[in-house]
């Protein structure tokens, strides 16, 4: 008698391998202009010019030498379509 379990296993392994390949594929960036941004959205790629930068928070060194100093700045960035306040 022939077993039918082996082809089934191979099919499952192929599906798993295809799913793993899908997760590692990188998408091409889609560049947007400032006027296309909407509140509450994230993950945008855009090219903008930094118009001004102001430090709003700077904390001293952490207890561990491996950690960096915390710095937060508000930057006014923009392109030909508009400007936006960016916090980094």
Foldseek 3Di string as FASTA:
>chain_A
DDDPVVVVVVVVVVVVVVVVVVVPDDDDADEDFPVPDDPPDDDHDYDKDWPDKDWDDWADDDPDPPDDTDTKIWTWIHDPVDIDIDID
